[in-house]
Protein backbone atom coordinates (compact mmCIF):
# COMPACT_ATOMS: atom_id res chain seq x y z
CA MET A 1 51.81 41.49 -32.90
CA ALA A 2 52.82 41.82 -29.27
CA VAL A 3 54.26 38.77 -27.53
CA ASP A 4 51.59 38.91 -24.82
CA ASP A 5 48.89 38.90 -27.50
CA GLU A 6 50.40 35.81 -29.14
CA LEU A 7 50.31 33.94 -25.83
CA ASP A 8 46.54 34.31 -25.78
CA GLN A 9 46.16 32.57 -29.15
CA PRO A 10 46.27 28.77 -28.79
CA HIS A 11 46.71 28.15 -32.52
CA ARG A 12 50.19 29.63 -32.05
CA TRP A 13 51.03 27.30 -29.16
CA TYR A 14 53.32 24.34 -29.59
CA SER A 15 54.37 22.22 -26.65
CA THR A 16 57.02 19.58 -26.20
CA ASN A 17 56.14 16.07 -27.30
CA LEU A 18 57.25 12.45 -27.13
CA VAL A 19 57.90 11.72 -30.81
CA GLY A 20 61.14 13.60 -31.47
CA VAL A 21 59.76 15.96 -34.13
CA PRO A 22 59.01 19.57 -33.14
CA ALA A 23 55.27 20.12 -32.99
CA ARG A 24 55.49 23.12 -35.34
CA ALA A 25 57.14 20.91 -37.97
CA LEU A 26 54.76 18.01 -37.35
CA ALA A 27 51.76 20.27 -38.02
CA SER A 28 53.18 21.66 -41.25
CA THR A 29 52.44 20.91 -44.90
CA ALA A 30 56.17 20.35 -45.39
CA PHE A 31 56.08 17.38 -43.00
CA ASN A 32 53.03 15.99 -44.75
CA ALA A 33 54.86 16.13 -48.08
CA ASN A 34 57.96 14.44 -46.66
CA PRO A 35 56.90 12.48 -43.57
CA ARG A 36 59.15 10.40 -41.36
CA CYS A 37 58.27 7.49 -39.12
CA LEU A 38 57.14 8.48 -35.63
CA ALA A 39 57.36 6.56 -32.37
CA ILE A 40 56.09 7.52 -28.93
CA ALA A 41 59.09 7.41 -26.60
CA GLY A 42 59.05 4.36 -24.35
CA ALA A 43 55.74 2.92 -25.56
CA ARG A 44 57.12 -0.15 -27.32
CA GLU A 45 59.94 -0.60 -24.84
CA ALA A 46 57.48 -0.72 -21.93
CA GLN A 47 55.43 -3.46 -23.63
CA ALA A 48 58.11 -5.30 -25.58
CA GLY A 49 56.28 -8.59 -25.06
CA LEU A 50 53.29 -7.36 -27.05
CA PHE A 51 55.33 -6.49 -30.11
CA ALA A 52 57.32 -9.72 -29.88
CA LEU A 53 53.98 -11.55 -30.11
CA LEU A 54 52.77 -9.36 -32.97
CA ASP A 55 55.91 -10.09 -34.99
CA ARG A 56 54.97 -13.77 -34.92
CA SER A 57 51.44 -13.20 -36.25
CA ARG A 58 50.58 -14.49 -39.73
CA ASP A 59 48.05 -11.84 -40.74
CA LEU A 60 46.25 -8.76 -39.47
CA ASN A 61 43.30 -10.75 -38.09
CA GLU A 62 45.62 -12.75 -35.86
CA ALA A 63 47.57 -9.65 -34.87
CA ARG A 64 44.52 -7.65 -33.81
CA ASP A 65 43.23 -10.55 -31.70
CA MET A 66 46.62 -10.65 -29.98
CA PHE A 67 46.51 -6.91 -29.42
CA VAL A 68 43.03 -6.86 -27.88
CA HIS A 69 43.76 -9.89 -25.68
CA TYR A 70 47.07 -8.45 -24.46
CA LEU A 71 45.56 -5.08 -23.51
CA ALA A 72 42.63 -6.78 -21.80
CA ILE A 73 45.08 -8.56 -19.51
CA ALA A 74 47.54 -5.69 -19.06
CA PHE A 75 44.86 -3.10 -18.17
CA GLY A 76 42.17 -5.26 -16.60
CA LEU A 77 39.69 -4.72 -19.43
CA ARG A 78 38.22 -8.22 -19.45
CA GLN A 79 34.61 -8.48 -18.28
CA PRO A 80 34.65 -10.35 -14.93
CA GLU A 81 32.95 -13.75 -14.74
CA PRO A 82 29.86 -14.01 -12.48
CA HIS A 83 31.80 -15.78 -9.75
CA GLU A 84 34.48 -13.08 -9.88
CA LEU A 85 31.88 -10.32 -9.56
CA ALA A 86 30.38 -12.05 -6.54
CA ALA A 87 33.75 -11.92 -4.78
CA MET A 88 34.11 -8.16 -5.37
CA GLY A 89 32.81 -5.38 -3.19
CA VAL A 90 29.98 -3.16 -4.41
CA ALA A 91 32.34 -0.27 -5.23
CA GLU A 92 34.64 -2.52 -7.25
CA GLN A 93 31.72 -3.99 -9.19
CA ARG A 94 30.67 -0.49 -10.22
CA ARG A 95 34.15 0.76 -11.01
CA TRP A 96 34.43 2.36 -14.44
CA ARG A 97 37.56 1.14 -16.18
CA SER A 98 38.54 3.49 -18.97
CA SER A 99 39.52 1.71 -22.16
CA TRP A 100 40.69 2.54 -25.65
CA ARG A 101 37.53 0.88 -27.03
CA LYS A 102 35.15 3.03 -24.96
CA LEU A 103 36.96 6.18 -26.08
CA LEU A 104 36.74 5.27 -29.77
CA GLN A 105 33.09 4.36 -29.41
CA GLY A 106 32.51 7.70 -27.68
CA TRP A 107 34.32 9.52 -30.49
CA GLY A 108 32.12 7.75 -33.04
CA MET A 109 29.01 9.02 -31.27
CA ASP A 110 30.26 12.58 -30.68
CA ALA A 111 33.79 13.79 -31.38
CA ASN A 112 33.05 16.84 -29.22
CA GLY A 113 31.98 14.83 -26.18
CA PRO A 114 34.05 13.79 -23.14
CA ALA A 115 35.71 10.91 -25.01
CA GLY A 116 36.71 13.30 -27.78
CA ALA A 117 38.26 15.68 -25.25
CA VAL A 118 40.40 12.87 -23.79
CA LEU A 119 41.59 11.81 -27.24
CA LYS A 120 42.45 15.41 -28.19
CA GLY A 121 44.25 15.79 -24.86
CA TRP A 122 46.27 12.65 -25.59
CA VAL A 123 47.33 14.14 -28.93
CA GLU A 124 48.43 17.29 -27.09
CA SER A 125 50.45 15.24 -24.62
CA ARG A 126 52.17 12.94 -27.10
CA PHE A 127 52.48 15.04 -30.27
CA GLY A 128 52.34 18.62 -28.94
CA LEU A 129 49.45 19.60 -31.22
CA VAL A 130 46.93 21.92 -29.56
CA PRO A 131 43.24 21.46 -30.51
CA GLY A 132 41.44 24.25 -32.29
CA TYR A 133 37.88 23.12 -31.70
CA HIS A 134 35.86 21.31 -29.05
CA LYS A 135 32.14 22.09 -29.04
CA ALA A 136 33.19 25.63 -30.03
CA PRO A 137 36.30 27.27 -31.49
CA LEU A 138 39.16 27.21 -28.97
CA ALA A 139 40.26 30.73 -29.82
CA ARG A 140 41.67 33.09 -27.24
CA PHE A 141 42.68 31.72 -23.86
CA PRO A 142 41.13 31.71 -21.31
CA SER A 143 37.55 31.36 -22.46
CA PRO A 144 34.46 29.34 -21.49
CA ALA A 145 35.14 26.95 -24.38
CA TRP A 146 38.68 26.31 -23.13
CA VAL A 147 37.52 25.77 -19.54
CA ALA A 148 34.92 23.25 -20.71
CA TYR A 149 37.50 21.38 -22.79
CA LEU A 150 40.05 21.26 -19.97
CA GLU A 151 37.43 19.95 -17.55
CA GLU A 152 36.33 17.20 -19.92
CA LYS A 153 39.79 16.04 -20.93
CA SER A 154 40.85 15.62 -17.29
CA ALA A 155 37.62 14.09 -15.88
CA SER A 156 38.48 10.96 -13.90
CA ARG A 157 35.70 8.89 -15.49
CA HIS A 158 37.60 8.73 -18.78
CA THR A 159 41.22 9.25 -17.71
CA ASN A 160 41.77 6.47 -15.19
CA ASN A 161 43.30 3.04 -15.86
CA ASN A 162 46.41 4.46 -17.60
CA ILE A 163 44.31 5.53 -20.57
CA HIS A 164 47.13 7.48 -22.21
CA GLN A 165 49.34 4.39 -22.11
CA GLN A 166 46.53 2.39 -23.73
CA LEU A 167 46.30 4.97 -26.52
CA ASP A 168 50.08 4.93 -26.93
CA LEU A 169 49.91 1.20 -27.62
CA LEU A 170 46.97 1.66 -29.98
CA TYR A 171 48.97 4.18 -32.02
CA GLU A 172 52.06 1.97 -32.05
CA PHE A 173 49.98 -1.07 -33.05
CA CYS A 174 48.40 0.93 -35.89
CA GLN A 175 51.84 2.00 -37.14
CA TRP A 176 53.12 -1.57 -36.85
CA ALA A 177 50.16 -2.78 -38.91
CA LEU A 178 50.43 -0.07 -41.59
CA ARG A 179 54.06 -0.98 -42.23
CA ARG A 180 53.17 -4.66 -42.76
CA PHE A 181 49.70 -4.79 -44.27
CA PRO A 182 47.99 -2.68 -46.94
CA LEU A 183 44.95 -0.59 -46.14
CA PRO A 184 41.72 -2.21 -47.42
CA GLY A 185 41.52 -1.52 -51.15
CA SER A 186 45.28 -0.96 -51.50
CA ALA A 187 47.77 -3.33 -53.05
CA MET A 188 50.63 -2.61 -50.69
CA PRO A 189 51.60 -0.52 -47.64
CA ALA A 190 51.91 3.14 -48.59
CA ARG A 191 53.66 6.25 -47.27
CA HIS A 192 50.47 8.29 -47.70
CA LEU A 193 46.78 7.43 -47.55
CA ARG A 194 44.44 9.10 -50.02
CA LEU A 195 41.47 10.12 -47.87
CA TRP A 196 38.48 12.45 -47.93
CA ARG A 197 36.88 14.72 -45.35
CA GLY A 198 33.53 16.48 -45.49
CA SER A 199 33.34 19.95 -43.95
CA THR A 200 30.82 22.71 -43.29
CA ARG A 201 33.29 25.09 -41.59
CA CYS A 202 35.59 25.67 -44.54
CA GLU A 203 36.09 29.41 -44.16
CA GLU A 204 37.24 28.95 -40.55
CA GLN A 205 39.72 26.30 -41.62
CA LEU A 206 41.12 28.00 -44.72
CA ILE A 207 44.60 29.50 -44.27
CA ALA A 208 45.84 29.78 -47.87
CA GLY A 209 44.30 29.68 -51.33
CA CYS A 210 40.66 29.71 -52.34
CA LEU A 211 38.01 27.00 -52.24
CA GLN A 212 36.79 27.96 -55.71
CA ASP A 213 40.29 27.35 -57.08
CA ARG A 214 40.08 23.82 -55.61
CA CYS A 215 43.68 23.68 -54.38
CA CYS A 216 44.10 25.31 -50.99
CA THR A 217 45.53 24.85 -47.51
CA VAL A 218 43.37 24.21 -44.47
CA ARG A 219 44.10 23.93 -40.75
CA LEU A 220 42.40 20.90 -39.25
CA ASN A 221 41.86 20.08 -35.60
CA ASN A 222 44.61 18.18 -33.80
CA LEU A 223 42.67 14.92 -34.24
CA VAL A 224 40.19 14.45 -37.09
CA SER A 225 38.15 11.81 -38.89
CA PHE A 226 38.60 11.06 -42.57
CA SER A 227 36.69 8.73 -44.89
CA LEU A 228 37.99 6.12 -47.32
CA SER A 229 35.73 7.37 -50.10
CA TYR A 230 34.41 10.62 -51.52
CA ASP A 231 30.81 9.45 -51.23
CA ASP A 232 31.13 8.72 -47.49
CA ALA A 233 32.79 12.09 -46.85
CA ALA A 234 30.10 13.96 -48.82
CA CYS A 235 27.56 12.96 -46.16
CA PHE A 236 29.31 15.19 -43.63
CA GLY A 237 29.56 18.59 -45.30
CA ASP A 238 28.95 20.92 -48.21
CA TRP A 239 32.58 20.66 -49.26
CA VAL A 240 34.78 17.59 -49.53
CA PHE A 241 38.55 17.77 -49.12
CA GLU A 242 40.74 15.21 -50.84
CA VAL A 243 43.83 14.80 -48.66
CA GLN A 244 47.09 12.88 -48.79
CA VAL A 245 47.49 11.90 -45.13
CA PRO A 246 50.89 10.56 -44.01
CA ALA A 247 50.58 7.00 -42.76
CA CYS A 248 52.60 8.01 -39.68
CA LYS A 249 49.72 10.32 -38.60
CA VAL A 250 47.08 7.57 -38.55
CA LEU A 251 45.71 6.27 -35.24
CA VAL A 252 42.91 3.96 -36.46
CA PHE A 253 41.90 2.65 -39.87
CA PRO A 254 39.04 0.31 -40.90
CA GLY A 255 39.91 -3.31 -40.25
CA LEU A 256 42.57 -2.53 -37.64
CA LEU A 257 40.36 -3.52 -34.69
CA PRO A 258 37.74 -6.23 -34.18
CA GLY A 259 34.11 -5.41 -33.47
CA HIS A 260 32.16 -2.27 -34.25
CA VAL A 261 34.78 0.42 -33.63
CA LEU A 262 34.41 3.30 -36.12
CA GLN A 263 33.47 0.74 -38.79
CA GLY A 264 30.05 2.05 -39.84
CA GLU A 265 31.37 4.98 -41.86
CA GLN A 266 34.72 3.46 -42.88
CA GLU A 267 36.41 6.06 -40.71
CA VAL A 268 40.12 6.79 -40.45
CA LEU A 269 41.25 8.68 -37.35
CA ALA A 270 44.41 10.74 -37.86
CA LEU A 271 46.41 13.67 -36.53
CA GLY A 272 45.50 17.06 -37.91
CA GLY A 273 47.51 20.20 -38.59
CA ASP A 274 47.93 22.11 -41.86
CA TYR A 275 47.03 20.16 -45.00
CA GLU A 276 47.13 20.98 -48.69
CA VAL A 277 43.83 19.73 -50.08
CA VAL A 278 41.79 19.51 -53.24
CA ALA A 279 38.35 20.94 -52.44
CA ARG A 280 35.16 19.93 -54.23
CA TYR A 281 31.64 21.20 -53.63
CA ALA A 282 29.63 18.13 -52.64
């Protein structure tokens, strides 16, 4: 294949990242089999006070309350009191402040909407993993699908208020929590999480093996949702993949955050790439 032809194929792209592991390695099945801890450069150092507080928490409930309160102050996410609103100008009252919570809620409604584009763009920026799908396959570049994705991931409505820094802290908080507390239903913190994912686009994702043989390798988008149970995953596709997801690739898990944030379907949000899976017809 000519070099120029390869440059037009985004699934062959790998950019620099902020976690110290080459993106090509991070996306591989070899990394999934033998993962290492990841840290976004500068994220914890920039907010050392947050993690000092977290280290003094007694349980996950206390820690998540600390996390939400800290980010509300640091990024101005607290809802203003009536007297505070009265003192603001009309433009300031209507200002849209992007937040990690709004993005996750947007993802829960439509992973291929504007919020999903911003989250996939954050994964690109921090981990170097290029998305393969957003509303349509992101195949050759340029294309209408790529233009639409680039426009959505950079729209000011969802990318203001240091949103990437907020997501950095969300990832670091998740990793902090996974190293100290077990996932619901587990006895202890684990290196891998046994998760499930329903799919209707299996042939597009398959890169090695055969679905009928059950054990195969699939290429997932750079950020994907998994379920904690087979039954939940079976609601989302004709096939269900059983996957061992490295804990270091997890961004959100049920119980990590207070309120209704991806809780309805017991959803785990994690980095994608190439995964060896066990496939079952739902």
